[in-house]
């Protein structure tokens, strides 16, 4: 199966397959490929006559087939793009029409947020005839590398700390991350090495009061700094929800526990096991000296408790700021 980079490279070279089925839980890559075809398969003058964009909730299989079987007007190809194809009822029935689609048609299905069953006959036919692409969600540990690669392709580099700040703050929503990275590339000159100050100025993430700095404070048992940060979080709850912080810290203590259990303690092996940049391995080693395996397990349990409290379970009338303080106290004592 081709990667999205390979598919995009072929599209930019005007090497088109007759049919594309783009499916999976990560909509970003599906939109990227679908938009590239929409913008590059035809010249602007031809799009008015030979390009049709359909939406799944508005069409049925027969309607898609009728458009796909149309011939281009004064052009080499007809382009039919079915967006939100997951909303088409009984889409698997399109397999009965696929063989009737002429070679002059370029057909695209953008089937987002879930996977189409590849055992279906339609999937098998498309896989043989065109491009079948499965868009998988990235794990948290993959996000820093994705950010670095995105910026590298745009002509920028970024420091490890700035990368981690963005990853911790923006989560795994690639559309959201890409939009924020565009802000950076618009605001900063090419070949700039982006640092935490650039992120603070252009994205609005405080370089002193963020989850990355909170992790460092907890790892170093700096109680004063940790409490300053959570007080700031409590006063700015919209930008720093307890739920997100608890999930991030859950991952942090899970990594420390993995470090304790790792058999190969070399920096490269630990970076791979923890899914972090080697630059940060020493920080986790320092934290591991302050938190034993048993303490890590206890803290993971505490963070599960506050995950539930952040959702309103057994939290009573306690404010989020007070929940933050209670959570930090329990984690560090």
C-alpha atoms as a PDB file:
ATOM      1  CA  UNK A   1       0.000   0.000   0.000  1.00  0.00           C
ATOM      2  CA  UNK A   2       1.346   3.423  -0.976  1.00  0.00           C
ATOM      3  CA  UNK A   3       2.086   6.113   1.578  1.00  0.00           C
ATOM      4  CA  UNK A   4       0.446   9.511   1.343  1.00  0.00           C
ATOM      5  CA  UNK A   5       3.830  11.007   0.370  1.00  0.00           C
ATOM      6  CA  UNK A   6       4.091   8.605  -2.573  1.00  0.00           C
ATOM      7  CA  UNK A   7       0.505   9.307  -3.651  1.00  0.00           C
ATOM      8  CA  UNK A   8       1.016  13.083  -3.454  1.00  0.00           C
ATOM      9  CA  UNK A   9       4.274  12.843  -5.405  1.00  0.00           C
ATOM     10  CA  UNK A  10       2.459  10.996  -8.217  1.00  0.00           C
ATOM     11  CA  UNK A  11      -0.365  13.546  -8.214  1.00  0.00           C
ATOM     12  CA  UNK A  12       2.110  16.438  -8.488  1.00  0.00           C
ATOM     13  CA  UNK A  13       3.664  14.639 -11.486  1.00  0.00           C
ATOM     14  CA  UNK A  14       0.175  14.286 -13.045  1.00  0.00           C
ATOM     15  CA  UNK A  15       0.344  10.507 -12.704  1.00  0.00           C
ATOM     16  CA  UNK A  16      -3.237   9.668 -11.774  1.00  0.00           C
ATOM     17  CA  UNK A  17      -4.868   6.344 -10.993  1.00  0.00           C
ATOM     18  CA  UNK A  18      -8.412   5.790 -12.330  1.00  0.00           C
ATOM     19  CA  UNK A  19      -9.904   5.436  -8.842  1.00  0.00           C
ATOM     20  CA  UNK A  20      -8.852   6.361  -5.313  1.00  0.00           C
ATOM     21  CA  UNK A  21     -10.427   5.062  -2.116  1.00  0.00           C
ATOM     22  CA  UNK A  22      -9.164   7.054   0.857  1.00  0.00           C
ATOM     23  CA  UNK A  23     -10.297   5.639   4.188  1.00  0.00           C
ATOM     24  CA  UNK A  24      -9.328   5.651   7.839  1.00  0.00           C
ATOM     25  CA  UNK A  25      -9.557   7.358  11.205  1.00  0.00           C
ATOM     26  CA  UNK A  26      -7.182  10.257  10.412  1.00  0.00           C
ATOM     27  CA  UNK A  27      -8.999  12.772   8.168  1.00  0.00           C
ATOM     28  CA  UNK A  28      -5.938  14.987   7.593  1.00  0.00           C
ATOM     29  CA  UNK A  29      -4.202  12.717   5.079  1.00  0.00           C
ATOM     30  CA  UNK A  30      -7.483  11.957   3.300  1.00  0.00           C
ATOM     31  CA  UNK A  31      -8.227  15.669   2.882  1.00  0.00           C
ATOM     32  CA  UNK A  32      -4.650  16.322   1.756  1.00  0.00           C
ATOM     33  CA  UNK A  33      -4.866  13.780  -1.072  1.00  0.00           C
ATOM     34  CA  UNK A  34      -8.446  14.640  -2.036  1.00  0.00           C
ATOM     35  CA  UNK A  35      -7.658  18.376  -2.178  1.00  0.00           C
ATOM     36  CA  UNK A  36      -4.519  17.738  -4.248  1.00  0.00           C
ATOM     37  CA  UNK A  37      -6.536  15.808  -6.838  1.00  0.00           C
ATOM     38  CA  UNK A  38      -9.261  18.462  -6.825  1.00  0.00           C
ATOM     39  CA  UNK A  39      -6.698  21.207  -7.465  1.00  0.00           C
ATOM     40  CA  UNK A  40      -4.332  19.433  -9.857  1.00  0.00           C
ATOM     41  CA  UNK A  41      -6.207  16.819 -11.903  1.00  0.00           C
ATOM     42  CA  UNK A  42      -7.672  19.471 -14.212  1.00  0.00           C
ATOM     43  CA  UNK A  43      -6.709  22.934 -15.374  1.00  0.00           C
ATOM     44  CA  UNK A  44      -8.821  25.659 -13.830  1.00  0.00           C
ATOM     45  CA  UNK A  45     -10.686  26.247 -17.109  1.00  0.00           C
ATOM     46  CA  UNK A  46     -11.713  22.558 -17.349  1.00  0.00           C
ATOM     47  CA  UNK A  47     -13.032  22.238 -13.790  1.00  0.00           C
ATOM     48  CA  UNK A  48     -16.307  24.004 -14.509  1.00  0.00           C
ATOM     49  CA  UNK A  49     -17.270  21.366 -17.090  1.00  0.00           C
ATOM     50  CA  UNK A  50     -15.409  18.224 -16.064  1.00  0.00           C
ATOM     51  CA  UNK A  51     -15.151  18.188 -12.268  1.00  0.00           C
ATOM     52  CA  UNK A  52     -17.976  17.222  -9.951  1.00  0.00           C
ATOM     53  CA  UNK A  53     -17.787  17.259  -6.146  1.00  0.00           C
ATOM     54  CA  UNK A  54     -20.457  15.212  -4.386  1.00  0.00           C
ATOM     55  CA  UNK A  55     -21.218  14.855  -0.667  1.00  0.00           C
ATOM     56  CA  UNK A  56     -22.136  11.491   0.808  1.00  0.00           C
ATOM     57  CA  UNK A  57     -25.225  12.596   2.700  1.00  0.00           C
ATOM     58  CA  UNK A  58     -26.731  14.077  -0.501  1.00  0.00           C
ATOM     59  CA  UNK A  59     -26.220  11.183  -2.941  1.00  0.00           C
ATOM     60  CA  UNK A  60     -26.777   7.463  -3.328  1.00  0.00           C
ATOM     61  CA  UNK A  61     -24.782   4.790  -5.144  1.00  0.00           C
ATOM     62  CA  UNK A  62     -26.763   5.178  -8.376  1.00  0.00           C
ATOM     63  CA  UNK A  63     -26.187   8.944  -8.483  1.00  0.00           C
ATOM     64  CA  UNK A  64     -22.441   8.486  -8.035  1.00  0.00           C
ATOM     65  CA  UNK A  65     -22.436   5.876 -10.802  1.00  0.00           C
ATOM     66  CA  UNK A  66     -24.319   8.153 -13.210  1.00  0.00           C
ATOM     67  CA  UNK A  67     -21.824  10.978 -12.716  1.00  0.00           C
ATOM     68  CA  UNK A  68     -18.853   8.610 -12.927  1.00  0.00           C
ATOM     69  CA  UNK A  69     -20.090   7.223 -16.264  1.00  0.00           C
ATOM     70  CA  UNK A  70     -20.271  10.693 -17.823  1.00  0.00           C
ATOM     71  CA  UNK A  71     -17.725  11.569 -20.482  1.00  0.00           C
ATOM     72  CA  UNK A  72     -15.611  14.723 -20.355  1.00  0.00           C
ATOM     73  CA  UNK A  73     -16.538  17.773 -22.413  1.00  0.00           C
ATOM     74  CA  UNK A  74     -13.609  18.923 -24.559  1.00  0.00           C
ATOM     75  CA  UNK A  75     -11.075  17.484 -22.127  1.00  0.00           C
ATOM     76  CA  UNK A  76      -9.116  14.335 -21.412  1.00  0.00           C
ATOM     77  CA  UNK A  77     -10.802  13.315 -18.169  1.00  0.00           C
ATOM     78  CA  UNK A  78     -13.847  13.611 -15.969  1.00  0.00           C
ATOM     79  CA  UNK A  79     -13.105  14.024 -12.238  1.00  0.00           C
ATOM     80  CA  UNK A  80     -15.710  12.876  -9.710  1.00  0.00           C
ATOM     81  CA  UNK A  81     -14.900  13.381  -6.020  1.00  0.00           C
ATOM     82  CA  UNK A  82     -17.179  11.930  -3.348  1.00  0.00           C
ATOM     83  CA  UNK A  83     -16.486  13.736  -0.080  1.00  0.00           C
ATOM     84  CA  UNK A  84     -17.792  12.368   3.250  1.00  0.00           C
ATOM     85  CA  UNK A  85     -18.260   9.048   1.456  1.00  0.00           C
ATOM     86  CA  UNK A  86     -18.853   7.340   4.803  1.00  0.00           C
ATOM     87  CA  UNK A  87     -22.348   8.875   4.682  1.00  0.00           C
ATOM     88  CA  UNK A  88     -23.313   7.093   1.438  1.00  0.00           C
ATOM     89  CA  UNK A  89     -25.813   4.337   2.243  1.00  0.00           C
ATOM     90  CA  UNK A  90     -24.799   0.848   1.073  1.00  0.00           C
ATOM     91  CA  UNK A  91     -21.634   2.166  -0.552  1.00  0.00           C
ATOM     92  CA  UNK A  92     -20.376  -1.407  -0.939  1.00  0.00           C
ATOM     93  CA  UNK A  93     -23.013  -1.836  -3.676  1.00  0.00           C
ATOM     94  CA  UNK A  94     -20.987   0.455  -5.934  1.00  0.00           C
ATOM     95  CA  UNK A  95     -18.908  -2.601  -6.853  1.00  0.00           C
ATOM     96  CA  UNK A  96     -21.661  -3.528  -9.345  1.00  0.00           C
ATOM     97  CA  UNK A  97     -21.038  -0.245 -11.201  1.00  0.00           C
ATOM     98  CA  UNK A  98     -17.258   0.019 -10.954  1.00  0.00           C
ATOM     99  CA  UNK A  99     -16.574  -1.923 -14.150  1.00  0.00           C
ATOM    100  CA  UNK A 100     -18.920   0.380 -16.100  1.00  0.00           C
ATOM    101  CA  UNK A 101     -16.897   3.512 -15.256  1.00  0.00           C
ATOM    102  CA  UNK A 102     -14.964   4.616 -18.384  1.00  0.00           C
ATOM    103  CA  UNK A 103     -11.196   5.063 -18.416  1.00  0.00           C
ATOM    104  CA  UNK A 104     -11.711   8.795 -18.937  1.00  0.00           C
ATOM    105  CA  UNK A 105     -13.099   9.132 -15.382  1.00  0.00           C
ATOM    106  CA  UNK A 106     -10.966   9.796 -12.307  1.00  0.00           C
ATOM    107  CA  UNK A 107     -13.058   8.769  -9.307  1.00  0.00           C
ATOM    108  CA  UNK A 108     -12.234   9.601  -5.678  1.00  0.00           C
ATOM    109  CA  UNK A 109     -13.930   8.372  -2.509  1.00  0.00           C
ATOM    110  CA  UNK A 110     -13.031  10.239   0.701  1.00  0.00           C
ATOM    111  CA  UNK A 111     -14.305   7.893   3.427  1.00  0.00           C
ATOM    112  CA  UNK A 112     -13.299   9.510   6.720  1.00  0.00           C
ATOM    113  CA  UNK A 113     -13.180   8.865  10.475  1.00  0.00           C
ATOM    114  CA  UNK A 114     -13.417   5.071  10.177  1.00  0.00           C
ATOM    115  CA  UNK A 115     -12.153   2.221   8.024  1.00  0.00           C
ATOM    116  CA  UNK A 116     -14.110   0.742   5.170  1.00  0.00           C
ATOM    117  CA  UNK A 117     -14.223  -3.051   5.389  1.00  0.00           C
ATOM    118  CA  UNK A 118     -11.464  -4.222   3.066  1.00  0.00           C
ATOM    119  CA  UNK A 119     -13.042  -7.663   2.852  1.00  0.00           C
ATOM    120  CA  UNK A 120     -15.832  -6.213   0.729  1.00  0.00           C
ATOM    121  CA  UNK A 121     -15.751  -6.885  -3.016  1.00  0.00           C
ATOM    122  CA  UNK A 122     -15.651  -3.150  -3.736  1.00  0.00           C
ATOM    123  CA  UNK A 123     -12.438  -2.801  -1.729  1.00  0.00           C
ATOM    124  CA  UNK A 124     -10.790  -5.724  -3.506  1.00  0.00           C
ATOM    125  CA  UNK A 125     -11.730  -4.369  -6.940  1.00  0.00           C
ATOM    126  CA  UNK A 126     -10.446  -0.873  -6.194  1.00  0.00           C
ATOM    127  CA  UNK A 127      -7.234  -2.233  -4.705  1.00  0.00           C
ATOM    128  CA  UNK A 128      -6.530  -4.024  -7.984  1.00  0.00           C
ATOM    129  CA  UNK A 129      -7.624  -1.210 -10.276  1.00  0.00           C
ATOM    130  CA  UNK A 130      -6.507   1.940  -8.478  1.00  0.00           C
ATOM    131  CA  UNK A 131      -5.212   3.287  -5.170  1.00  0.00           C
ATOM    132  CA  UNK A 132      -6.425   2.041  -1.798  1.00  0.00           C
ATOM    133  CA  UNK A 133      -5.139   4.266   1.012  1.00  0.00           C
ATOM    134  CA  UNK A 134      -5.695   3.702   4.719  1.00  0.00           C
ATOM    135  CA  UNK A 135      -5.184   6.837   6.809  1.00  0.00           C
ATOM    136  CA  UNK A 136      -4.102   5.832  10.298  1.00  0.00           C
ATOM    137  CA  UNK A 137      -4.128   8.063  13.355  1.00  0.00           C
ATOM    138  CA  UNK A 138      -0.704   8.898  14.728  1.00  0.00           C
ATOM    139  CA  UNK A 139       0.229   7.917  18.263  1.00  0.00           C
ATOM    140  CA  UNK A 140       1.205  10.658  20.715  1.00  0.00           C
ATOM    141  CA  UNK A 141       4.835   9.575  20.379  1.00  0.00           C
ATOM    142  CA  UNK A 142       4.724  10.137  16.597  1.00  0.00           C
ATOM    143  CA  UNK A 143       3.545  13.753  16.800  1.00  0.00           C
ATOM    144  CA  UNK A 144       6.925  15.430  17.565  1.00  0.00           C
ATOM    145  CA  UNK A 145       8.533  13.724  14.568  1.00  0.00           C
ATOM    146  CA  UNK A 146       5.592  14.704  12.364  1.00  0.00           C
ATOM    147  CA  UNK A 147       5.923  18.340  13.459  1.00  0.00           C
ATOM    148  CA  UNK A 148       9.638  18.324  12.673  1.00  0.00           C
ATOM    149  CA  UNK A 149       9.103  16.768   9.237  1.00  0.00           C
ATOM    150  CA  UNK A 150       6.285  19.184   8.381  1.00  0.00           C
ATOM    151  CA  UNK A 151       8.475  22.178   9.209  1.00  0.00           C
ATOM    152  CA  UNK A 152      11.495  20.678   7.446  1.00  0.00           C
ATOM    153  CA  UNK A 153       9.448  20.396   4.247  1.00  0.00           C
ATOM    154  CA  UNK A 154       8.517  24.071   4.654  1.00  0.00           C
ATOM    155  CA  UNK A 155      12.169  25.090   5.094  1.00  0.00           C
ATOM    156  CA  UNK A 156      12.380  25.371   8.889  1.00  0.00           C
ATOM    157  CA  UNK A 157      13.946  23.546  11.812  1.00  0.00           C
ATOM    158  CA  UNK A 158      12.649  23.499  15.389  1.00  0.00           C
ATOM    159  CA  UNK A 159      14.255  22.903  18.765  1.00  0.00           C
ATOM    160  CA  UNK A 160      13.304  19.781  20.759  1.00  0.00           C
ATOM    161  CA  UNK A 161      11.738  21.866  23.527  1.00  0.00           C
ATOM    162  CA  UNK A 162       9.590  23.895  21.118  1.00  0.00           C
ATOM    163  CA  UNK A 163       8.548  20.670  19.387  1.00  0.00           C
ATOM    164  CA  UNK A 164       7.452  19.083  22.648  1.00  0.00           C
ATOM    165  CA  UNK A 165       5.601  22.215  23.731  1.00  0.00           C
ATOM    166  CA  UNK A 166       3.559  22.106  20.512  1.00  0.00           C
ATOM    167  CA  UNK A 167       2.959  18.364  20.788  1.00  0.00           C
ATOM    168  CA  UNK A 168       1.796  18.582  24.411  1.00  0.00           C
ATOM    169  CA  UNK A 169      -0.430  21.603  23.782  1.00  0.00           C
ATOM    170  CA  UNK A 170      -2.005  20.628  20.446  1.00  0.00           C
ATOM    171  CA  UNK A 171      -2.560  16.892  20.942  1.00  0.00           C
ATOM    172  CA  UNK A 172      -2.965  14.565  17.956  1.00  0.00           C
ATOM    173  CA  UNK A 173      -5.404  16.538  15.766  1.00  0.00           C
ATOM    174  CA  UNK A 174      -3.267  16.963  12.623  1.00  0.00           C
ATOM    175  CA  UNK A 175      -5.571  19.567  11.079  1.00  0.00           C
ATOM    176  CA  UNK A 176      -5.205  21.682  14.227  1.00  0.00           C
ATOM    177  CA  UNK A 177      -1.432  21.144  14.360  1.00  0.00           C
ATOM    178  CA  UNK A 178      -0.993  22.006  10.665  1.00  0.00           C
ATOM    179  CA  UNK A 179      -3.019  25.212  11.089  1.00  0.00           C
ATOM    180  CA  UNK A 180      -0.839  26.313  14.014  1.00  0.00           C
ATOM    181  CA  UNK A 181       2.356  25.454  12.146  1.00  0.00           C
ATOM    182  CA  UNK A 182       1.164  27.567   9.212  1.00  0.00           C
ATOM    183  CA  UNK A 183       0.979  30.509  11.617  1.00  0.00           C
ATOM    184  CA  UNK A 184       4.641  29.963  12.444  1.00  0.00           C
ATOM    185  CA  UNK A 185       5.733  29.659   8.821  1.00  0.00           C
ATOM    186  CA  UNK A 186       3.825  32.811   7.869  1.00  0.00           C
ATOM    187  CA  UNK A 187       5.263  34.824  10.754  1.00  0.00           C
ATOM    188  CA  UNK A 188       8.883  33.638  10.625  1.00  0.00           C
ATOM    189  CA  UNK A 189      11.566  33.880   7.904  1.00  0.00           C
ATOM    190  CA  UNK A 190      12.666  30.772   5.996  1.00  0.00           C
ATOM    191  CA  UNK A 191      15.520  28.672   7.406  1.00  0.00           C
ATOM    192  CA  UNK A 192      14.664  29.885  10.923  1.00  0.00           C
ATOM    193  CA  UNK A 193      15.294  27.513  13.797  1.00  0.00           C
ATOM    194  CA  UNK A 194      12.025  27.834  15.699  1.00  0.00           C
ATOM    195  CA  UNK A 195      12.416  27.955  19.481  1.00  0.00           C
ATOM    196  CA  UNK A 196      10.100  28.142  22.482  1.00  0.00           C
ATOM    197  CA  UNK A 197      10.020  31.951  22.377  1.00  0.00           C
ATOM    198  CA  UNK A 198       8.730  31.829  18.781  1.00  0.00           C
ATOM    199  CA  UNK A 199       6.039  29.386  19.860  1.00  0.00           C
ATOM    200  CA  UNK A 200       5.013  31.629  22.744  1.00  0.00           C
ATOM    201  CA  UNK A 201       4.783  34.755  20.549  1.00  0.00           C
ATOM    202  CA  UNK A 202       2.961  33.200  17.613  1.00  0.00           C
ATOM    203  CA  UNK A 203       0.899  30.320  19.042  1.00  0.00           C
ATOM    204  CA  UNK A 204       0.150  31.701  22.498  1.00  0.00           C
ATOM    205  CA  UNK A 205       1.672  28.845  24.517  1.00  0.00           C
ATOM    206  CA  UNK A 206       3.492  30.174  27.551  1.00  0.00           C
ATOM    207  CA  UNK A 207       7.100  29.002  27.553  1.00  0.00           C
ATOM    208  CA  UNK A 208       7.097  29.005  31.363  1.00  0.00           C
ATOM    209  CA  UNK A 209       3.587  27.738  32.146  1.00  0.00           C
ATOM    210  CA  UNK A 210       2.876  24.656  30.047  1.00  0.00           C
ATOM    211  CA  UNK A 211       2.592  20.899  30.532  1.00  0.00           C
ATOM    212  CA  UNK A 212       6.185  20.366  29.392  1.00  0.00           C
ATOM    213  CA  UNK A 213       7.476  22.623  32.184  1.00  0.00           C
ATOM    214  CA  UNK A 214       5.055  21.024  34.661  1.00  0.00           C
ATOM    215  CA  UNK A 215       6.494  17.594  33.857  1.00  0.00           C
ATOM    216  CA  UNK A 216      10.011  18.896  34.454  1.00  0.00           C
ATOM    217  CA  UNK A 217       8.977  20.436  37.781  1.00  0.00           C
ATOM    218  CA  UNK A 218       7.339  17.194  38.892  1.00  0.00           C
ATOM    219  CA  UNK A 219      10.266  15.109  37.676  1.00  0.00           C
ATOM    220  CA  UNK A 220      12.728  17.265  39.612  1.00  0.00           C
ATOM    221  CA  UNK A 221      10.434  17.379  42.666  1.00  0.00           C
ATOM    222  CA  UNK A 222      10.336  21.163  42.414  1.00  0.00           C
ATOM    223  CA  UNK A 223       7.147  21.617  44.439  1.00  0.00           C
ATOM    224  CA  UNK A 224       7.177  25.419  44.283  1.00  0.00           C
ATOM    225  CA  UNK A 225       7.454  25.544  40.480  1.00  0.00           C
ATOM    226  CA  UNK A 226       4.863  22.805  40.033  1.00  0.00           C
ATOM    227  CA  UNK A 227       2.360  24.687  42.188  1.00  0.00           C
ATOM    228  CA  UNK A 228       3.003  27.962  40.361  1.00  0.00           C
ATOM    229  CA  UNK A 229       2.234  26.232  37.072  1.00  0.00           C
ATOM    230  CA  UNK A 230      -0.955  24.517  38.260  1.00  0.00           C
ATOM    231  CA  UNK A 231      -2.161  27.772  39.835  1.00  0.00           C
ATOM    232  CA  UNK A 232      -1.700  29.371  36.423  1.00  0.00           C
ATOM    233  CA  UNK A 233      -3.533  26.438  34.816  1.00  0.00           C
ATOM    234  CA  UNK A 234      -6.362  26.786  37.322  1.00  0.00           C
ATOM    235  CA  UNK A 235      -6.712  30.495  36.503  1.00  0.00           C
ATOM    236  CA  UNK A 236      -6.637  29.745  32.753  1.00  0.00           C
ATOM    237  CA  UNK A 237      -8.762  26.608  32.698  1.00  0.00           C
ATOM    238  CA  UNK A 238     -10.059  27.106  29.157  1.00  0.00           C
ATOM    239  CA  UNK A 239      -6.554  26.782  27.721  1.00  0.00           C
ATOM    240  CA  UNK A 240      -5.348  24.222  30.279  1.00  0.00           C
ATOM    241  CA  UNK A 241      -8.170  21.781  31.088  1.00  0.00           C
ATOM    242  CA  UNK A 242      -7.456  19.346  33.911  1.00  0.00           C
ATOM    243  CA  UNK A 243      -8.539  16.399  31.756  1.00  0.00           C
ATOM    244  CA  UNK A 244      -5.836  17.067  29.143  1.00  0.00           C
ATOM    245  CA  UNK A 245      -3.158  17.647  31.793  1.00  0.00           C
ATOM    246  CA  UNK A 246      -4.064  14.434  33.647  1.00  0.00           C
ATOM    247  CA  UNK A 247      -3.863  12.417  30.414  1.00  0.00           C
ATOM    248  CA  UNK A 248      -0.482  13.961  29.559  1.00  0.00           C
ATOM    249  CA  UNK A 249       0.929  13.262  33.023  1.00  0.00           C
ATOM    250  CA  UNK A 250      -0.430   9.711  32.813  1.00  0.00           C
ATOM    251  CA  UNK A 251       1.745   9.282  29.737  1.00  0.00           C
ATOM    252  CA  UNK A 252       4.672  10.898  31.523  1.00  0.00           C
ATOM    253  CA  UNK A 253       4.648   8.479  34.466  1.00  0.00           C
ATOM    254  CA  UNK A 254       4.057   5.563  32.109  1.00  0.00           C
ATOM    255  CA  UNK A 255       7.293   6.527  30.326  1.00  0.00           C
ATOM    256  CA  UNK A 256       9.198   6.733  33.623  1.00  0.00           C
ATOM    257  CA  UNK A 257       7.913   3.254  34.502  1.00  0.00           C
ATOM    258  CA  UNK A 258       9.009   1.960  31.072  1.00  0.00           C
ATOM    259  CA  UNK A 259      12.467   3.401  31.726  1.00  0.00           C
ATOM    260  CA  UNK A 260      12.679   1.498  35.018  1.00  0.00           C
ATOM    261  CA  UNK A 261      11.672  -1.741  33.283  1.00  0.00           C
ATOM    262  CA  UNK A 262      13.899  -1.352  30.212  1.00  0.00           C
ATOM    263  CA  UNK A 263      16.692  -3.891  29.945  1.00  0.00           C
ATOM    264  CA  UNK A 264      18.789  -1.809  27.538  1.00  0.00           C
ATOM    265  CA  UNK A 265      19.618   1.467  29.294  1.00  0.00           C
ATOM    266  CA  UNK A 266      21.542   3.073  26.420  1.00  0.00           C
ATOM    267  CA  UNK A 267      20.298   6.504  25.364  1.00  0.00           C
ATOM    268  CA  UNK A 268      19.243   5.338  21.895  1.00  0.00           C
ATOM    269  CA  UNK A 269      17.385   2.298  23.225  1.00  0.00           C
ATOM    270  CA  UNK A 270      15.618   4.329  25.911  1.00  0.00           C
ATOM    271  CA  UNK A 271      14.619   7.033  23.416  1.00  0.00           C
ATOM    272  CA  UNK A 272      13.088   4.346  21.222  1.00  0.00           C
ATOM    273  CA  UNK A 273      11.344   2.594  24.124  1.00  0.00           C
ATOM    274  CA  UNK A 274       9.897   5.825  25.481  1.00  0.00           C
ATOM    275  CA  UNK A 275       9.051   7.285  22.078  1.00  0.00           C
ATOM    276  CA  UNK A 276      10.884  10.561  22.790  1.00  0.00           C
ATOM    277  CA  UNK A 277      13.690  12.594  21.272  1.00  0.00           C
ATOM    278  CA  UNK A 278      17.064  11.398  22.680  1.00  0.00           C
ATOM    279  CA  UNK A 279      17.500  14.986  23.890  1.00  0.00           C
ATOM    280  CA  UNK A 280      14.948  14.287  26.653  1.00  0.00           C
ATOM    281  CA  UNK A 281      16.236  10.912  27.883  1.00  0.00           C
ATOM    282  CA  UNK A 282      18.316  12.515  30.635  1.00  0.00           C
ATOM    283  CA  UNK A 283      15.217  14.286  31.967  1.00  0.00           C
ATOM    284  CA  UNK A 284      13.425  10.956  32.286  1.00  0.00           C
ATOM    285  CA  UNK A 285      16.481   9.364  33.903  1.00  0.00           C
ATOM    286  CA  UNK A 286      16.528  12.166  36.487  1.00  0.00           C
ATOM    287  CA  UNK A 287      12.801  11.703  37.128  1.00  0.00           C
ATOM    288  CA  UNK A 288      13.300   7.955  37.512  1.00  0.00           C
ATOM    289  CA  UNK A 289      15.705   8.632  40.369  1.00  0.00           C
ATOM    290  CA  UNK A 290      12.943  10.563  42.138  1.00  0.00           C
ATOM    291  CA  UNK A 291      10.088   8.152  41.388  1.00  0.00           C
ATOM    292  CA  UNK A 292      10.448   4.430  41.969  1.00  0.00           C
ATOM    293  CA  UNK A 293       8.468   1.889  39.942  1.00  0.00           C
ATOM    294  CA  UNK A 294       6.021   1.528  42.840  1.00  0.00           C
ATOM    295  CA  UNK A 295       5.560   5.308  43.042  1.00  0.00           C
ATOM    296  CA  UNK A 296       4.983   5.486  39.283  1.00  0.00           C
ATOM    297  CA  UNK A 297       2.263   2.840  39.559  1.00  0.00           C
ATOM    298  CA  UNK A 298       0.683   4.744  42.453  1.00  0.00           C
ATOM    299  CA  UNK A 299       0.783   8.000  40.475  1.00  0.00           C
ATOM    300  CA  UNK A 300      -0.762   6.371  37.412  1.00  0.00           C
ATOM    301  CA  UNK A 301      -3.626   5.294  39.676  1.00  0.00           C
ATOM    302  CA  UNK A 302      -3.908   8.847  41.062  1.00  0.00           C
ATOM    303  CA  UNK A 303      -4.094  10.263  37.544  1.00  0.00           C
ATOM    304  CA  UNK A 304      -6.883   7.826  36.672  1.00  0.00           C
ATOM    305  CA  UNK A 305      -8.737   9.174  39.707  1.00  0.00           C
ATOM    306  CA  UNK A 306      -8.323  12.786  38.541  1.00  0.00           C
ATOM    307  CA  UNK A 307      -9.240  11.883  34.996  1.00  0.00           C
ATOM    308  CA  UNK A 308     -12.606  10.813  36.408  1.00  0.00           C
ATOM    309  CA  UNK A 309     -12.874  13.875  38.673  1.00  0.00           C
ATOM    310  CA  UNK A 310     -12.190  16.158  35.705  1.00  0.00           C
ATOM    311  CA  UNK A 311     -15.270  14.616  34.082  1.00  0.00           C
ATOM    312  CA  UNK A 312     -17.401  15.389  37.136  1.00  0.00           C
ATOM    313  CA  UNK A 313     -17.288  12.049  38.949  1.00  0.00           C
ATOM    314  CA  UNK A 314     -16.872  12.310  42.737  1.00  0.00           C
ATOM    315  CA  UNK A 315     -15.530  15.849  42.483  1.00  0.00           C
ATOM    316  CA  UNK A 316     -18.301  17.552  44.442  1.00  0.00           C
ATOM    317  CA  UNK A 317     -18.239  21.346  44.286  1.00  0.00           C
ATOM    318  CA  UNK A 318     -14.453  21.560  44.226  1.00  0.00           C
ATOM    319  CA  UNK A 319     -13.088  24.042  41.678  1.00  0.00           C
ATOM    320  CA  UNK A 320     -10.739  22.877  38.930  1.00  0.00           C
ATOM    321  CA  UNK A 321      -7.974  24.979  40.459  1.00  0.00           C
ATOM    322  CA  UNK A 322      -8.338  23.140  43.766  1.00  0.00           C
ATOM    323  CA  UNK A 323      -8.435  19.801  41.937  1.00  0.00           C
ATOM    324  CA  UNK A 324      -5.156  20.760  40.262  1.00  0.00           C
ATOM    325  CA  UNK A 325      -3.573  21.539  43.633  1.00  0.00           C
ATOM    326  CA  UNK A 326      -4.834  18.299  45.156  1.00  0.00           C
ATOM    327  CA  UNK A 327      -3.559  16.273  42.224  1.00  0.00           C
ATOM    328  CA  UNK A 328      -0.071  17.802  42.345  1.00  0.00           C
ATOM    329  CA  UNK A 329       0.138  17.301  46.111  1.00  0.00           C
ATOM    330  CA  UNK A 330      -0.751  13.619  45.786  1.00  0.00           C
ATOM    331  CA  UNK A 331       1.659  13.056  42.897  1.00  0.00           C
ATOM    332  CA  UNK A 332       4.633  14.678  44.639  1.00  0.00           C
ATOM    333  CA  UNK A 333       4.171  13.455  48.232  1.00  0.00           C
END
